[in-house]
N, C-alpha and C. Protein backbone atom coordinates (compact mmCIF):
# COMPACT_ATOMS: atom_id res chain seq x y z
N MET A 1 131.05 85.07 98.92
CA MET A 1 132.02 85.88 99.71
C MET A 1 131.44 87.28 99.93
N SER A 2 130.77 87.77 98.91
CA SER A 2 130.19 89.12 99.02
C SER A 2 129.14 89.13 100.13
N ASP A 3 128.42 88.03 100.24
CA ASP A 3 127.38 87.95 101.27
C ASP A 3 128.00 88.06 102.66
N LEU A 4 129.13 87.41 102.83
CA LEU A 4 129.78 87.43 104.14
C LEU A 4 130.20 88.85 104.50
N LYS A 5 130.80 89.52 103.54
CA LYS A 5 131.26 90.89 103.80
C LYS A 5 130.06 91.79 104.11
N HIS A 6 129.00 91.58 103.38
CA HIS A 6 127.80 92.41 103.59
C HIS A 6 127.28 92.20 105.02
N ASP A 7 127.30 90.96 105.46
CA ASP A 7 126.82 90.64 106.81
C ASP A 7 127.67 91.37 107.85
N VAL A 8 128.97 91.35 107.64
CA VAL A 8 129.87 92.00 108.61
C VAL A 8 129.60 93.49 108.65
N ILE A 9 129.44 94.08 107.47
CA ILE A 9 129.18 95.53 107.41
C ILE A 9 127.85 95.85 108.10
N ALA A 10 126.85 95.04 107.82
CA ALA A 10 125.52 95.27 108.42
C ALA A 10 125.63 95.19 109.95
N GLU A 11 126.35 94.21 110.43
CA GLU A 11 126.48 94.07 111.90
C GLU A 11 127.21 95.28 112.47
N ARG A 12 128.23 95.75 111.75
CA ARG A 12 129.02 96.88 112.26
C ARG A 12 128.12 98.12 112.32
N TRP A 13 127.30 98.27 111.28
CA TRP A 13 126.38 99.43 111.25
C TRP A 13 125.41 99.34 112.42
N ALA A 14 124.89 98.13 112.65
CA ALA A 14 123.92 97.93 113.75
C ALA A 14 124.56 98.35 115.08
N VAL A 15 125.81 97.98 115.27
CA VAL A 15 126.50 98.34 116.53
C VAL A 15 126.66 99.85 116.61
N LEU A 16 127.02 100.46 115.49
CA LEU A 16 127.21 101.92 115.49
C LEU A 16 125.90 102.62 115.81
N ILE A 17 124.84 102.16 115.20
CA ILE A 17 123.52 102.79 115.43
C ILE A 17 123.07 102.54 116.87
N LYS A 18 123.31 101.34 117.37
CA LYS A 18 122.89 101.02 118.75
C LYS A 18 123.69 101.87 119.74
N GLU A 19 124.96 102.06 119.45
CA GLU A 19 125.81 102.84 120.37
C GLU A 19 125.33 104.28 120.42
N ARG A 20 124.71 104.75 119.31
CA ARG A 20 124.28 106.16 119.23
C ARG A 20 123.36 106.38 120.41
């Protein structure tokens, strides 16, 4: 379950960085 949450956070960060 921790892996899934980590994946979601990583994807969210990627979107934030890409939007920058």
